[in-house]
């Protein structure tokens, strides 16, 4: 079996969102959760627990997003007249 892109799902404090998914995507998430559970030995991973790490992985590997994010942070850091604590808030 090939190695999945996600590893063990961390157990941290979630933020609740309500979303609608096409049934096919939900079925794929269920299947992915089963495969990930077998691969990591953590048991079946519920679809809701997969979405956050999948989105994080997607954003971390999106070069255009990373470039945009860096430019935004540099722009905020360069704003004159604001204390540094306000720039990062």
N, C-alpha and C. Protein backbone atom coordinates (compact mmCIF):
# COMPACT_ATOMS: atom_id res chain seq x y z
N UNK A 1 0.84 -1.18 0.00
CA UNK A 1 0.00 0.00 0.00
C UNK A 1 0.88 1.24 0.00
N UNK A 2 0.53 2.24 -0.78
CA UNK A 2 1.32 3.46 -0.83
C UNK A 2 1.05 4.31 0.41
N UNK A 3 2.02 5.16 0.73
CA UNK A 3 1.92 6.01 1.92
C UNK A 3 0.94 7.15 1.64
N UNK A 4 -0.01 7.36 2.56
CA UNK A 4 -0.97 8.45 2.43
C UNK A 4 -0.30 9.77 2.75
N UNK A 5 -0.83 10.87 2.24
CA UNK A 5 -0.25 12.18 2.46
C UNK A 5 -0.44 12.67 3.89
N UNK A 6 -1.50 12.22 4.56
CA UNK A 6 -1.73 12.62 5.94
C UNK A 6 -1.15 11.60 6.88
N UNK A 7 -0.69 12.08 8.02
CA UNK A 7 -0.20 11.19 9.07
C UNK A 7 -1.22 11.16 10.19
N UNK A 8 -0.75 10.92 11.40
CA UNK A 8 -1.62 10.87 12.57
C UNK A 8 -2.32 12.22 12.73
N UNK A 9 -3.62 12.18 13.01
CA UNK A 9 -4.40 13.40 13.18
C UNK A 9 -4.22 13.91 14.61
N UNK A 10 -3.70 15.14 14.78
CA UNK A 10 -3.52 15.66 16.14
C UNK A 10 -4.86 15.94 16.80
N UNK A 11 -4.89 15.83 18.11
CA UNK A 11 -6.11 16.07 18.87
C UNK A 11 -5.98 17.44 19.53
N UNK A 12 -6.39 18.49 18.81
CA UNK A 12 -6.33 19.83 19.39
C UNK A 12 -7.72 20.44 19.43
N UNK A 13 -7.83 21.62 20.01
CA UNK A 13 -9.13 22.26 20.20
C UNK A 13 -9.71 22.70 18.84
N UNK A 14 -10.85 22.14 18.46
CA UNK A 14 -11.43 22.47 17.16
C UNK A 14 -12.27 23.75 17.18
N UNK A 15 -12.49 24.30 16.02
CA UNK A 15 -13.43 25.38 15.79
C UNK A 15 -14.55 24.77 14.98
N UNK A 16 -15.76 24.94 15.43
CA UNK A 16 -16.90 24.28 14.79
C UNK A 16 -17.34 25.04 13.53
N UNK A 17 -17.46 24.31 12.43
CA UNK A 17 -17.97 24.83 11.17
C UNK A 17 -19.06 23.89 10.68
N UNK A 18 -20.00 24.43 9.95
CA UNK A 18 -21.01 23.60 9.31
C UNK A 18 -20.81 23.74 7.80
N UNK A 19 -20.61 22.61 7.13
CA UNK A 19 -20.41 22.63 5.68
C UNK A 19 -21.27 21.56 5.03
N UNK A 20 -21.51 21.73 3.76
CA UNK A 20 -22.21 20.72 2.97
C UNK A 20 -21.22 20.17 1.97
N UNK A 21 -21.17 18.85 1.87
CA UNK A 21 -20.29 18.18 0.92
C UNK A 21 -21.11 17.32 -0.03
N UNK A 22 -20.65 17.20 -1.26
CA UNK A 22 -21.30 16.24 -2.15
C UNK A 22 -21.15 14.83 -1.56
N UNK A 23 -22.13 13.97 -1.79
CA UNK A 23 -22.11 12.62 -1.24
C UNK A 23 -20.86 11.85 -1.66
N UNK A 24 -20.40 12.06 -2.88
CA UNK A 24 -19.21 11.34 -3.37
C UNK A 24 -17.97 11.73 -2.56
N UNK A 25 -17.85 12.99 -2.20
CA UNK A 25 -16.71 13.43 -1.40
C UNK A 25 -16.81 12.84 0.00
N UNK A 26 -18.01 12.80 0.56
CA UNK A 26 -18.18 12.21 1.88
C UNK A 26 -17.79 10.73 1.86
N UNK A 27 -18.21 10.02 0.83
CA UNK A 27 -17.84 8.60 0.72
C UNK A 27 -16.32 8.44 0.63
N UNK A 28 -15.69 9.33 -0.14
CA UNK A 28 -14.23 9.27 -0.25
C UNK A 28 -13.55 9.59 1.08
N UNK A 29 -14.10 10.53 1.82
CA UNK A 29 -13.54 10.85 3.14
C UNK A 29 -13.67 9.67 4.09
N UNK A 30 -14.79 8.99 4.05
CA UNK A 30 -14.98 7.79 4.89
C UNK A 30 -13.94 6.74 4.51
N UNK A 31 -13.77 6.51 3.22
CA UNK A 31 -12.79 5.52 2.76
C UNK A 31 -11.37 5.94 3.15
N UNK A 32 -11.07 7.23 3.02
CA UNK A 32 -9.75 7.73 3.40
C UNK A 32 -9.52 7.56 4.89
N UNK A 33 -10.54 7.87 5.69
CA UNK A 33 -10.44 7.70 7.14
C UNK A 33 -10.18 6.26 7.53
N UNK A 34 -10.81 5.33 6.84
CA UNK A 34 -10.56 3.90 7.09
C UNK A 34 -9.12 3.53 6.73
N UNK A 35 -8.66 3.98 5.56
CA UNK A 35 -7.30 3.67 5.12
C UNK A 35 -6.28 4.31 6.05
N UNK A 36 -6.50 5.55 6.44
CA UNK A 36 -5.58 6.24 7.34
C UNK A 36 -5.53 5.56 8.70
N UNK A 37 -6.68 5.14 9.19
CA UNK A 37 -6.72 4.43 10.46
C UNK A 37 -5.92 3.14 10.42
N UNK A 38 -6.04 2.40 9.32
CA UNK A 38 -5.26 1.16 9.17
C UNK A 38 -3.76 1.46 9.11
N UNK A 39 -3.41 2.52 8.35
CA UNK A 39 -1.99 2.84 8.15
C UNK A 39 -1.33 3.37 9.41
N UNK A 40 -2.04 4.18 10.18
CA UNK A 40 -1.44 4.80 11.37
C UNK A 40 -1.71 4.03 12.64
N UNK A 41 -2.63 3.09 12.60
CA UNK A 41 -2.96 2.30 13.78
C UNK A 41 -3.80 3.06 14.80
N UNK A 42 -4.40 4.16 14.41
CA UNK A 42 -5.20 4.93 15.36
C UNK A 42 -6.69 4.64 15.25
N UNK A 43 -7.07 3.62 14.52
CA UNK A 43 -8.48 3.30 14.36
C UNK A 43 -9.10 4.16 13.27
N UNK A 44 -10.38 3.95 13.04
CA UNK A 44 -11.08 4.69 11.98
C UNK A 44 -11.10 6.18 12.32
N UNK A 45 -10.73 7.00 11.36
CA UNK A 45 -10.74 8.46 11.53
C UNK A 45 -12.01 8.99 10.87
N UNK A 46 -12.81 9.69 11.65
CA UNK A 46 -14.07 10.22 11.14
C UNK A 46 -13.82 11.32 10.10
N UNK A 47 -14.69 11.45 9.10
CA UNK A 47 -14.51 12.45 8.05
C UNK A 47 -14.31 13.87 8.58
N UNK A 48 -15.03 14.26 9.61
CA UNK A 48 -14.90 15.62 10.15
C UNK A 48 -13.49 15.90 10.66
N UNK A 49 -12.80 14.87 11.14
CA UNK A 49 -11.44 15.04 11.65
C UNK A 49 -10.42 15.13 10.51
N UNK A 50 -10.78 14.72 9.32
CA UNK A 50 -9.87 14.73 8.18
C UNK A 50 -9.82 16.08 7.48
N UNK A 51 -10.92 16.80 7.50
CA UNK A 51 -11.04 17.99 6.66
C UNK A 51 -10.01 19.05 7.03
N UNK A 52 -9.84 19.33 8.32
CA UNK A 52 -8.86 20.34 8.75
C UNK A 52 -7.45 20.01 8.32
N UNK A 53 -6.94 18.81 8.66
CA UNK A 53 -5.59 18.46 8.22
C UNK A 53 -5.42 18.42 6.70
N UNK A 54 -6.46 18.01 5.99
CA UNK A 54 -6.38 18.00 4.53
C UNK A 54 -6.28 19.43 3.98
N UNK A 55 -7.07 20.33 4.53
CA UNK A 55 -7.00 21.72 4.09
C UNK A 55 -5.65 22.34 4.45
N UNK A 56 -5.15 22.04 5.65
CA UNK A 56 -3.85 22.57 6.06
C UNK A 56 -2.75 22.08 5.12
N UNK A 57 -2.80 20.79 4.78
CA UNK A 57 -1.79 20.22 3.88
C UNK A 57 -1.89 20.86 2.49
N UNK A 58 -3.12 21.03 2.02
CA UNK A 58 -3.34 21.67 0.72
C UNK A 58 -2.75 23.08 0.71
N UNK A 59 -3.05 23.87 1.74
CA UNK A 59 -2.56 25.25 1.78
C UNK A 59 -1.04 25.29 1.94
N UNK A 60 -0.48 24.36 2.70
CA UNK A 60 0.97 24.33 2.91
C UNK A 60 1.73 24.00 1.63
N UNK A 61 1.10 23.31 0.70
CA UNK A 61 1.78 22.92 -0.54
C UNK A 61 1.36 23.78 -1.73
N UNK A 62 0.53 24.79 -1.49
CA UNK A 62 0.09 25.69 -2.56
C UNK A 62 1.08 26.86 -2.65
N UNK A 63 1.95 26.83 -3.62
CA UNK A 63 3.00 27.84 -3.74
C UNK A 63 2.45 29.25 -3.92
N UNK A 64 1.40 29.40 -4.70
CA UNK A 64 0.83 30.73 -4.92
C UNK A 64 0.27 31.29 -3.62
N UNK A 65 -0.37 30.44 -2.82
CA UNK A 65 -0.88 30.89 -1.53
C UNK A 65 0.26 31.30 -0.60
N UNK A 66 1.32 30.50 -0.55
CA UNK A 66 2.47 30.81 0.30
C UNK A 66 3.09 32.14 -0.10
N UNK A 67 3.23 32.37 -1.39
CA UNK A 67 3.81 33.62 -1.88
C UNK A 67 2.92 34.80 -1.51
N UNK A 68 1.61 34.64 -1.68
CA UNK A 68 0.66 35.69 -1.33
C UNK A 68 0.70 35.98 0.17
N UNK A 69 0.76 34.93 0.96
CA UNK A 69 0.79 35.06 2.42
C UNK A 69 2.06 35.80 2.88
N UNK A 70 3.20 35.43 2.30
CA UNK A 70 4.46 36.11 2.64
C UNK A 70 4.39 37.59 2.29
N UNK A 71 3.86 37.90 1.11
CA UNK A 71 3.75 39.30 0.69
C UNK A 71 2.85 40.07 1.64
N UNK A 72 1.77 39.45 2.08
CA UNK A 72 0.85 40.09 3.02
C UNK A 72 1.55 40.37 4.36
N UNK A 73 2.29 39.41 4.87
CA UNK A 73 3.00 39.59 6.13
C UNK A 73 4.08 40.66 6.03
N UNK A 74 4.79 40.69 4.92
CA UNK A 74 5.81 41.71 4.72
C UNK A 74 5.17 43.08 4.64
N UNK A 75 4.05 43.17 3.94
CA UNK A 75 3.34 44.43 3.82
C UNK A 75 2.88 44.95 5.18
N UNK A 76 2.34 44.06 6.00
CA UNK A 76 1.88 44.45 7.33
C UNK A 76 3.05 44.88 8.21
N UNK A 77 4.17 44.20 8.09
CA UNK A 77 5.35 44.52 8.90
C UNK A 77 5.94 45.87 8.51
N UNK A 78 5.72 46.27 7.28
CA UNK A 78 6.30 47.51 6.79
C UNK A 78 5.41 48.72 7.04
N UNK A 79 4.23 48.54 7.62
CA UNK A 79 3.33 49.67 7.87
C UNK A 79 3.92 50.57 8.94
N UNK A 80 4.21 51.84 8.58
CA UNK A 80 4.80 52.76 9.55
C UNK A 80 3.76 53.25 10.55
N UNK A 81 4.25 53.59 11.75
CA UNK A 81 3.39 54.23 12.74
C UNK A 81 2.58 53.31 13.62
N UNK A 82 2.58 52.03 13.36
CA UNK A 82 1.82 51.09 14.18
C UNK A 82 2.78 50.31 15.06
N UNK A 83 2.43 50.13 16.33
CA UNK A 83 3.25 49.25 17.17
C UNK A 83 3.23 47.83 16.62
N UNK A 84 4.31 47.13 16.79
CA UNK A 84 4.44 45.78 16.24
C UNK A 84 3.31 44.87 16.69
N UNK A 85 2.81 45.03 17.91
CA UNK A 85 1.73 44.16 18.39
C UNK A 85 0.45 44.34 17.60
N UNK A 86 0.20 45.55 17.10
CA UNK A 86 -0.98 45.78 16.26
C UNK A 86 -0.81 45.26 14.86
N UNK A 87 0.44 45.21 14.37
CA UNK A 87 0.68 44.75 13.02
C UNK A 87 0.40 43.27 12.86
N UNK A 88 0.63 42.48 13.88
CA UNK A 88 0.45 41.03 13.76
C UNK A 88 -0.92 40.58 14.20
N UNK A 89 -1.74 41.47 14.74
CA UNK A 89 -3.07 41.09 15.23
C UNK A 89 -4.03 40.86 14.11
